[in-house]
PDB file of N, CA and C in Angstrom:
ATOM      1  N   PRO A   1     114.939 114.152 108.032  1.00  0.00           N
ATOM      2  CA  PRO A   1     114.937 113.996 106.574  1.00  0.00           C
ATOM      3  C   PRO A   1     113.824 114.823 105.949  1.00  0.00           C
ATOM      4  N   SER A   2     114.137 115.472 104.875  1.00  0.00           N
ATOM      5  CA  SER A   2     113.146 116.330 104.239  1.00  0.00           C
ATOM      6  C   SER A   2     112.461 115.642 103.071  1.00  0.00           C
ATOM      7  N   LYS A   3     112.913 114.481 102.716  1.00  0.00           N
ATOM      8  CA  LYS A   3     112.358 113.775 101.574  1.00  0.00           C
ATOM      9  C   LYS A   3     111.965 112.352 101.978  1.00  0.00           C
ATOM     10  N   ARG A   4     110.821 111.915 101.490  1.00  0.00           N
ATOM     11  CA  ARG A   4     110.368 110.552 101.780  1.00  0.00           C
ATOM     12  C   ARG A   4     111.358 109.547 101.193  1.00  0.00           C
ATOM     13  N   LYS A   5     111.664 108.541 101.962  1.00  0.00           N
ATOM     14  CA  LYS A   5     112.609 107.517 101.530  1.00  0.00           C
ATOM     15  C   LYS A   5     111.874 106.466 100.696  1.00  0.00           C
ATOM     16  N   GLU A   6     111.777 106.697  99.407  1.00  0.00           N
ATOM     17  CA  GLU A   6     111.033 105.813  98.513  1.00  0.00           C
ATOM     18  C   GLU A   6     111.639 104.415  98.458  1.00  0.00           C
ATOM     19  N   PHE A   7     112.931 104.317  98.689  1.00  0.00           N
ATOM     20  CA  PHE A   7     113.582 103.014  98.603  1.00  0.00           C
ATOM     21  C   PHE A   7     113.292 102.145  99.829  1.00  0.00           C
ATOM     22  N   LEU A   8     112.732 102.729 100.868  1.00  0.00           N
ATOM     23  CA  LEU A   8     112.362 101.967 102.052  1.00  0.00           C
ATOM     24  C   LEU A   8     110.888 101.584 101.951  1.00  0.00           C
ATOM     25  N   ASP A   9     110.634 100.332 101.743  1.00  0.00           N
ATOM     26  CA  ASP A   9     109.260  99.862 101.652  1.00  0.00           C
ATOM     27  C   ASP A   9     108.844  99.349 103.020  1.00  0.00           C
ATOM     28  N   THR A  10     108.077 100.140 103.738  1.00  0.00           N
ATOM     29  CA  THR A  10     107.640  99.749 105.074  1.00  0.00           C
ATOM     30  C   THR A  10     106.162  99.366 105.105  1.00  0.00           C
ATOM     31  N   GLU A  11     105.576  99.216 103.952  1.00  0.00           N
ATOM     32  CA  GLU A  11     104.162  98.837 103.920  1.00  0.00           C
ATOM     33  C   GLU A  11     103.944  97.507 104.634  1.00  0.00           C
ATOM     34  N   TRP A  12     104.856  96.568 104.443  1.00  0.00           N
ATOM     35  CA  TRP A  12     104.739  95.271 105.112  1.00  0.00           C
ATOM     36  C   TRP A  12     104.760  95.437 106.633  1.00  0.00           C
ATOM     37  N   LEU A  13     105.595  96.359 107.133  1.00  0.00           N
ATOM     38  CA  LEU A  13     105.679  96.600 108.566  1.00  0.00           C
ATOM     39  C   LEU A  13     104.388  97.230 109.079  1.00  0.00           C
ATOM     40  N   ARG A  14     103.874  98.203 108.362  1.00  0.00           N
ATOM     41  CA  ARG A  14     102.627  98.850 108.773  1.00  0.00           C
ATOM     42  C   ARG A  14     101.474  97.848 108.779  1.00  0.00           C
ATOM     43  N   GLU A  15     101.429  96.973 107.795  1.00  0.00           N
ATOM     44  CA  GLU A  15     100.387  95.949 107.753  1.00  0.00           C
ATOM     45  C   GLU A  15     100.551  94.978 108.922  1.00  0.00           C
ATOM     46  N   TRP A  16     101.797  94.571 109.174  1.00  0.00           N
ATOM     47  CA  TRP A  16     102.061  93.673 110.290  1.00  0.00           C
ATOM     48  C   TRP A  16     101.665  94.325 111.614  1.00  0.00           C
ATOM     49  N   MET A  17     101.986  95.600 111.763  1.00  0.00           N
ATOM     50  CA  MET A  17     101.644  96.330 112.991  1.00  0.00           C
ATOM     51  C   MET A  17     100.137  96.349 113.217  1.00  0.00           C
ATOM     52  N   CYS A  18      99.378  96.591 112.174  1.00  0.00           N
ATOM     53  CA  CYS A  18      97.917  96.631 112.310  1.00  0.00           C
ATOM     54  C   CYS A  18      97.355  95.268 112.707  1.00  0.00           C
ATOM     55  N   ASN A  19      97.966  94.212 112.235  1.00  0.00           N
ATOM     56  CA  ASN A  19      97.476  92.862 112.518  1.00  0.00           C
ATOM     57  C   ASN A  19      98.026  92.263 113.811  1.00  0.00           C
ATOM     58  N   ASN A  20      99.144  92.777 114.308  1.00  0.00           N
ATOM     59  CA  ASN A  20      99.817  92.162 115.447  1.00  0.00           C
ATOM     60  C   ASN A  20     100.166  93.121 116.579  1.00  0.00           C
ATOM     61  N   TYR A  21      99.542  94.282 116.607  1.00  0.00           N
ATOM     62  CA  TYR A  21      99.884  95.283 117.616  1.00  0.00           C
ATOM     63  C   TYR A  21      99.764  94.737 119.039  1.00  0.00           C
ATOM     64  N   TYR A  22      98.850  93.816 119.275  1.00  0.00           N
ATOM     65  CA  TYR A  22      98.615  93.265 120.607  1.00  0.00           C
ATOM     66  C   TYR A  22      99.793  92.419 121.109  1.00  0.00           C
ATOM     67  N   LYS A  23     100.718  92.076 120.231  1.00  0.00           N
ATOM     68  CA  LYS A  23     101.896  91.294 120.615  1.00  0.00           C
ATOM     69  C   LYS A  23     103.036  92.181 121.106  1.00  0.00           C
ATOM     70  N   LEU A  24     102.909  93.474 120.907  1.00  0.00           N
ATOM     71  CA  LEU A  24     103.967  94.420 121.265  1.00  0.00           C
ATOM     72  C   LEU A  24     103.565  95.237 122.487  1.00  0.00           C
ATOM     73  N   SER A  25     104.551  95.746 123.173  1.00  0.00           N
ATOM     74  CA  SER A  25     104.253  96.655 124.277  1.00  0.00           C
ATOM     75  C   SER A  25     103.764  97.976 123.700  1.00  0.00           C
ATOM     76  N   LEU A  26     103.013  98.672 124.487  1.00  0.00           N
ATOM     77  CA  LEU A  26     102.493  99.978 124.074  1.00  0.00           C
ATOM     78  C   LEU A  26     103.641 100.926 123.724  1.00  0.00           C
ATOM     79  N   GLN A  27     104.693 100.883 124.524  1.00  0.00           N
ATOM     80  CA  GLN A  27     105.849 101.743 124.291  1.00  0.00           C
ATOM     81  C   GLN A  27     106.528 101.421 122.958  1.00  0.00           C
ATOM     82  N   ASN A  28     106.607 100.148 122.611  1.00  0.00           N
ATOM     83  CA  ASN A  28     107.220  99.783 121.327  1.00  0.00           C
ATOM     84  C   ASN A  28     106.383 100.273 120.153  1.00  0.00           C
ATOM     85  N   ILE A  29     105.080 100.210 120.275  1.00  0.00           N
ATOM     86  CA  ILE A  29     104.210 100.709 119.200  1.00  0.00           C
ATOM     87  C   ILE A  29     104.412 102.209 119.018  1.00  0.00           C
ATOM     88  N   VAL A  30     104.478 102.922 120.132  1.00  0.00           N
ATOM     89  CA  VAL A  30     104.714 104.373 120.070  1.00  0.00           C
ATOM     90  C   VAL A  30     106.033 104.649 119.350  1.00  0.00           C
ATOM     91  N   ARG A  31     107.087 103.936 119.728  1.00  0.00           N
ATOM     92  CA  ARG A  31     108.421 104.176 119.143  1.00  0.00           C
ATOM     93  C   ARG A  31     108.473 103.799 117.667  1.00  0.00           C
ATOM     94  N   ILE A  32     107.900 102.673 117.304  1.00  0.00           N
ATOM     95  CA  ILE A  32     107.922 102.250 115.900  1.00  0.00           C
ATOM     96  C   ILE A  32     107.208 103.283 115.034  1.00  0.00           C
ATOM     97  N   ASN A  33     106.047 103.743 115.484  1.00  0.00           N
ATOM     98  CA  ASN A  33     105.332 104.754 114.708  1.00  0.00           C
ATOM     99  C   ASN A  33     106.129 106.051 114.619  1.00  0.00           C
ATOM    100  N   ARG A  34     106.794 106.407 115.693  1.00  0.00           N
ATOM    101  CA  ARG A  34     107.620 107.620 115.672  1.00  0.00           C
ATOM    102  C   ARG A  34     108.745 107.481 114.642  1.00  0.00           C
ATOM    103  N   TYR A  35     109.391 106.327 114.618  1.00  0.00           N
ATOM    104  CA  TYR A  35     110.484 106.108 113.668  1.00  0.00           C
ATOM    105  C   TYR A  35     109.986 106.110 112.225  1.00  0.00           C
ATOM    106  N   LEU A  36     108.817 105.518 111.996  1.00  0.00           N
ATOM    107  CA  LEU A  36     108.256 105.537 110.639  1.00  0.00           C
ATOM    108  C   LEU A  36     108.004 106.965 110.164  1.00  0.00           C
ATOM    109  N   VAL A  37     107.515 107.802 111.053  1.00  0.00           N
ATOM    110  CA  VAL A  37     107.281 109.200 110.690  1.00  0.00           C
ATOM    111  C   VAL A  37     108.609 109.919 110.481  1.00  0.00           C
ATOM    112  N   GLN A  38     109.580 109.637 111.313  1.00  0.00           N
ATOM    113  CA  GLN A  38     110.879 110.294 111.173  1.00  0.00           C
ATOM    114  C   GLN A  38     111.542 109.992 109.834  1.00  0.00           C
ATOM    115  N   ILE A  39     111.363 108.768 109.329  1.00  0.00           N
ATOM    116  CA  ILE A  39     111.958 108.452 108.027  1.00  0.00           C
ATOM    117  C   ILE A  39     110.974 108.717 106.883  1.00  0.00           C
ATOM    118  N   ARG A  40     109.846 109.327 107.244  1.00  0.00           N
ATOM    119  CA  ARG A  40     108.815 109.705 106.264  1.00  0.00           C
ATOM    120  C   ARG A  40     108.300 108.514 105.463  1.00  0.00           C
ATOM    121  N   SER A  41     108.088 107.433 106.175  1.00  0.00           N
ATOM    122  CA  SER A  41     107.572 106.228 105.535  1.00  0.00           C
ATOM    123  C   SER A  41     106.288 105.804 106.257  1.00  0.00           C
ATOM    124  N   PHE A  42     105.253 106.587 106.079  1.00  0.00           N
ATOM    125  CA  PHE A  42     103.985 106.360 106.761  1.00  0.00           C
ATOM    126  C   PHE A  42     102.874 106.902 105.877  1.00  0.00           C
ATOM    127  N   ASP A  43     101.656 106.603 106.250  1.00  0.00           N
ATOM    128  CA  ASP A  43     100.524 107.304 105.648  1.00  0.00           C
ATOM    129  C   ASP A  43      99.583 107.687 106.782  1.00  0.00           C
ATOM    130  N   LYS A  44      98.818 108.726 106.557  1.00  0.00           N
ATOM    131  CA  LYS A  44      97.978 109.274 107.622  1.00  0.00           C
ATOM    132  C   LYS A  44      96.935 108.274 108.098  1.00  0.00           C
ATOM    133  N   ALA A  45      96.367 107.514 107.182  1.00  0.00           N
ATOM    134  CA  ALA A  45      95.347 106.532 107.563  1.00  0.00           C
ATOM    135  C   ALA A  45      95.918 105.511 108.540  1.00  0.00           C
ATOM    136  N   TYR A  46      97.149 105.097 108.301  1.00  0.00           N
ATOM    137  CA  TYR A  46      97.808 104.146 109.198  1.00  0.00           C
ATOM    138  C   TYR A  46      97.904 104.728 110.610  1.00  0.00           C
ATOM    139  N   LEU A  47      98.365 105.962 110.722  1.00  0.00           N
ATOM    140  CA  LEU A  47      98.520 106.577 112.039  1.00  0.00           C
ATOM    141  C   LEU A  47      97.175 106.804 112.712  1.00  0.00           C
ATOM    142  N   GLU A  48      96.176 107.158 111.941  1.00  0.00           N
ATOM    143  CA  GLU A  48      94.848 107.408 112.508  1.00  0.00           C
ATOM    144  C   GLU A  48      94.226 106.141 113.085  1.00  0.00           C
ATOM    145  N   VAL A  49      94.611 104.978 112.561  1.00  0.00           N
ATOM    146  CA  VAL A  49      94.104 103.698 113.069  1.00  0.00           C
ATOM    147  C   VAL A  49      94.455 103.532 114.543  1.00  0.00           C
ATOM    148  N   PHE A  50      95.597 104.026 114.949  1.00  0.00           N
ATOM    149  CA  PHE A  50      96.069 103.814 116.316  1.00  0.00           C
ATOM    150  C   PHE A  50      95.537 104.824 117.327  1.00  0.00           C
ATOM    151  N   VAL A  51      94.878 105.874 116.890  1.00  0.00           N
ATOM    152  CA  VAL A  51      94.420 106.910 117.811  1.00  0.00           C
ATOM    153  C   VAL A  51      93.510 106.332 118.888  1.00  0.00           C
ATOM    154  N   GLU A  52      92.500 105.593 118.502  1.00  0.00           N
ATOM    155  CA  GLU A  52      91.565 105.028 119.474  1.00  0.00           C
ATOM    156  C   GLU A  52      92.278 104.071 120.436  1.00  0.00           C
ATOM    157  N   PHE A  53      93.205 103.278 119.903  1.00  0.00           N
ATOM    158  CA  PHE A  53      93.974 102.346 120.732  1.00  0.00           C
ATOM    159  C   PHE A  53      94.782 103.097 121.783  1.00  0.00           C
ATOM    160  N   PHE A  54      95.475 104.153 121.374  1.00  0.00           N
ATOM    161  CA  PHE A  54      96.266 104.922 122.325  1.00  0.00           C
ATOM    162  C   PHE A  54      95.367 105.593 123.363  1.00  0.00           C
ATOM    163  N   CYS A  55      94.239 106.097 122.935  1.00  0.00           N
ATOM    164  CA  CYS A  55      93.306 106.750 123.864  1.00  0.00           C
ATOM    165  C   CYS A  55      92.771 105.754 124.891  1.00  0.00           C
ATOM    166  N   ALA A  56      92.474 104.548 124.449  1.00  0.00           N
ATOM    167  CA  ALA A  56      91.955 103.525 125.353  1.00  0.00           C
ATOM    168  C   ALA A  56      93.007 103.080 126.369  1.00  0.00           C
ATOM    169  N   ASN A  57      94.270 103.286 126.053  1.00  0.00           N
ATOM    170  CA  ASN A  57      95.365 102.863 126.924  1.00  0.00           C
ATOM    171  C   ASN A  57      96.166 104.037 127.476  1.00  0.00           C
ATOM    172  N   MET A  58      95.562 105.203 127.512  1.00  0.00           N
ATOM    173  CA  MET A  58      96.262 106.427 127.913  1.00  0.00           C
ATOM    174  C   MET A  58      96.885 106.309 129.308  1.00  0.00           C
ATOM    175  N   GLU A  59      96.227 105.598 130.230  1.00  0.00           N
ATOM    176  CA  GLU A  59      96.752 105.493 131.595  1.00  0.00           C
ATOM    177  C   GLU A  59      98.050 104.690 131.653  1.00  0.00           C
ATOM    178  N   GLN A  60      98.333 103.912 130.631  1.00  0.00           N
ATOM    179  CA  GLN A  60      99.568 103.122 130.596  1.00  0.00           C
ATOM    180  C   GLN A  60     100.734 103.879 129.959  1.00  0.00           C
ATOM    181  N   LEU A  61     100.443 105.009 129.360  1.00  0.00           N
ATOM    182  CA  LEU A  61     101.483 105.790 128.689  1.00  0.00           C
ATOM    183  C   LEU A  61     102.250 106.628 129.696  1.00  0.00           C
ATOM    184  N   THR A  62     103.549 106.670 129.528  1.00  0.00           N
ATOM    185  CA  THR A  62     104.373 107.539 130.358  1.00  0.00           C
ATOM    186  C   THR A  62     104.353 108.947 129.762  1.00  0.00           C
ATOM    187  N   LYS A  63     104.883 109.874 130.500  1.00  0.00           N
ATOM    188  CA  LYS A  63     104.980 111.247 129.998  1.00  0.00           C
ATOM    189  C   LYS A  63     105.801 111.275 128.703  1.00  0.00           C
ATOM    190  N   SER A  64     106.857 110.478 128.665  1.00  0.00           N
ATOM    191  CA  SER A  64     107.701 110.388 127.472  1.00  0.00           C
ATOM    192  C   SER A  64     106.927 109.814 126.290  1.00  0.00           C
ATOM    193  N   ASP A  65     106.083 108.807 126.541  1.00  0.00           N
ATOM    194  CA  ASP A  65     105.262 108.230 125.470  1.00  0.00           C
ATOM    195  C   ASP A  65     104.310 109.268 124.891  1.00  0.00           C
ATOM    196  N   VAL A  66     103.661 110.022 125.760  1.00  0.00           N
ATOM    197  CA  VAL A  66     102.718 111.047 125.310  1.00  0.00           C
ATOM    198  C   VAL A  66     103.455 112.108 124.501  1.00  0.00           C
ATOM    199  N   GLN A  67     104.641 112.471 124.955  1.00  0.00           N
ATOM    200  CA  GLN A  67     105.447 113.446 124.225  1.00  0.00           C
ATOM    201  C   GLN A  67     105.828 112.891 122.851  1.00  0.00           C
ATOM    202  N   ASP A  68     106.229 111.620 122.798  1.00  0.00           N
ATOM    203  CA  ASP A  68     106.564 110.995 121.513  1.00  0.00           C
ATOM    204  C   ASP A  68     105.352 110.942 120.590  1.00  0.00           C
ATOM    205  N   LEU A  69     104.192 110.628 121.140  1.00  0.00           N
ATOM    206  CA  LEU A  69     102.968 110.607 120.327  1.00  0.00           C
ATOM    207  C   LEU A  69     102.666 111.987 119.768  1.00  0.00           C
ATOM    208  N   THR A  70     102.790 112.987 120.608  1.00  0.00           N
ATOM    209  CA  THR A  70     102.536 114.356 120.165  1.00  0.00           C
ATOM    210  C   THR A  70     103.483 114.739 119.037  1.00  0.00           C
ATOM    211  N   HIS A  71     104.761 114.444 119.211  1.00  0.00           N
ATOM    212  CA  HIS A  71     105.744 114.746 118.167  1.00  0.00           C
ATOM    213  C   HIS A  71     105.457 113.939 116.897  1.00  0.00           C
ATOM    214  N   THR A  72     105.076 112.684 117.059  1.00  0.00           N
ATOM    215  CA  THR A  72     104.784 111.829 115.902  1.00  0.00           C
ATOM    216  C   THR A  72     103.657 112.412 115.073  1.00  0.00           C
ATOM    217  N   TYR A  73     102.540 112.713 115.720  1.00  0.00           N
ATOM    218  CA  TYR A  73     101.372 113.200 114.994  1.00  0.00           C
ATOM    219  C   TYR A  73     101.576 114.631 114.486  1.00  0.00           C
ATOM    220  N   ASN A  74     102.302 115.448 115.227  1.00  0.00           N
ATOM    221  CA  ASN A  74     102.610 116.798 114.732  1.00  0.00           C
ATOM    222  C   ASN A  74     103.510 116.731 113.504  1.00  0.00           C
ATOM    223  N   HIS A  75     104.541 115.900 113.571  1.00  0.00           N
ATOM    224  CA  HIS A  75     105.484 115.781 112.457  1.00  0.00           C
ATOM    225  C   HIS A  75     104.797 115.215 111.214  1.00  0.00           C
ATOM    226  N   ALA A  76     103.792 114.363 111.438  1.00  0.00           N
ATOM    227  CA  ALA A  76     103.032 113.800 110.320  1.00  0.00           C
ATOM    228  C   ALA A  76     101.965 114.787 109.825  1.00  0.00           C
ATOM    229  N   ARG A  77     101.884 115.921 110.500  1.00  0.00           N
ATOM    230  CA  ARG A  77     100.910 116.962 110.166  1.00  0.00           C
ATOM    231  C   ARG A  77      99.466 116.465 110.318  1.00  0.00           C
ATOM    232  N   ILE A  78      99.273 115.701 111.371  1.00  0.00           N
ATOM    233  CA  ILE A  78      97.933 115.251 111.739  1.00  0.00           C
ATOM    234  C   ILE A  78      97.612 115.972 113.044  1.00  0.00           C
ATOM    235  N   GLY A  79      96.850 117.014 112.946  1.00  0.00           N
ATOM    236  CA  GLY A  79      96.575 117.848 114.105  1.00  0.00           C
ATOM    237  C   GLY A  79      95.322 117.449 114.842  1.00  0.00           C
ATOM    238  N   GLU A  80      95.031 118.226 115.871  1.00  0.00           N
ATOM    239  CA  GLU A  80      93.884 117.906 116.717  1.00  0.00           C
ATOM    240  C   GLU A  80      92.563 118.022 115.974  1.00  0.00           C
ATOM    241  N   GLU A  81      92.519 118.744 114.870  1.00  0.00           N
ATOM    242  CA  GLU A  81      91.282 118.806 114.091  1.00  0.00           C
ATOM    243  C   GLU A  81      90.962 117.459 113.445  1.00  0.00           C
ATOM    244  N   ALA A  82      91.972 116.639 113.219  1.00  0.00           N
ATOM    245  CA  ALA A  82      91.768 115.325 112.605  1.00  0.00           C
ATOM    246  C   ALA A  82      91.597 114.224 113.645  1.00  0.00           C
ATOM    247  N   ILE A  83      92.310 114.341 114.769  1.00  0.00           N
ATOM    248  CA  ILE A  83      92.272 113.262 115.764  1.00  0.00           C
ATOM    249  C   ILE A  83      91.754 113.703 117.125  1.00  0.00           C
ATOM    250  N   GLY A  84      91.391 114.939 117.254  1.00  0.00           N
ATOM    251  CA  GLY A  84      90.935 115.430 118.539  1.00  0.00           C
ATOM    252  C   GLY A  84      92.112 115.883 119.389  1.00  0.00           C
ATOM    253  N   ARG A  85      91.835 116.187 120.628  1.00  0.00           N
ATOM    254  CA  ARG A  85      92.871 116.722 121.501  1.00  0.00           C
ATOM    255  C   ARG A  85      93.514 115.633 122.359  1.00  0.00           C
ATOM    256  N   HIS A  86      93.318 114.393 121.987  1.00  0.00           N
ATOM    257  CA  HIS A  86      93.709 113.258 122.806  1.00  0.00           C
ATOM    258  C   HIS A  86      95.164 113.332 123.287  1.00  0.00           C
ATOM    259  N   PHE A  87      96.101 113.492 122.381  1.00  0.00           N
ATOM    260  CA  PHE A  87      97.514 113.453 122.750  1.00  0.00           C
ATOM    261  C   PHE A  87      98.040 114.824 123.136  1.00  0.00           C
ATOM    262  N   PHE A  88      97.358 115.833 122.682  1.00  0.00           N
ATOM    263  CA  PHE A  88      97.849 117.181 122.880  1.00  0.00           C
ATOM    264  C   PHE A  88      97.521 117.715 124.271  1.00  0.00           C
ATOM    265  N   TRP A  89      96.566 117.086 124.926  1.00  0.00           N
ATOM    266  CA  TRP A  89      96.143 117.568 126.234  1.00  0.00           C
ATOM    267  C   TRP A  89      96.144 116.461 127.281  1.00  0.00           C
ATOM    268  N   ALA A  90      96.855 115.395 127.026  1.00  0.00           N
ATOM    269  CA  ALA A  90      96.868 114.276 127.996  1.00  0.00           C
ATOM    270  C   ALA A  90      97.730 114.629 129.197  1.00  0.00           C
TER     271      ALA A  90
END
């Protein structure tokens, strides 16, 4: 999609994710964030919150998870200058 879906209000989901991420599997968090970026219903601050969490759990990520993270952050135009090389060189 080339246009943000204004009719989709996902703020409640992003808030819930920040407060309840520990209830979900790491893979589900990766996928949910990827889907939010794909439908252009995200903000950069929200995605940046998860960088440290993903880095702390890097050994639990599969190759597919790392690839999804890379695509998520690239598509959101959050590059290594903003978050470091964590996902780009894992």
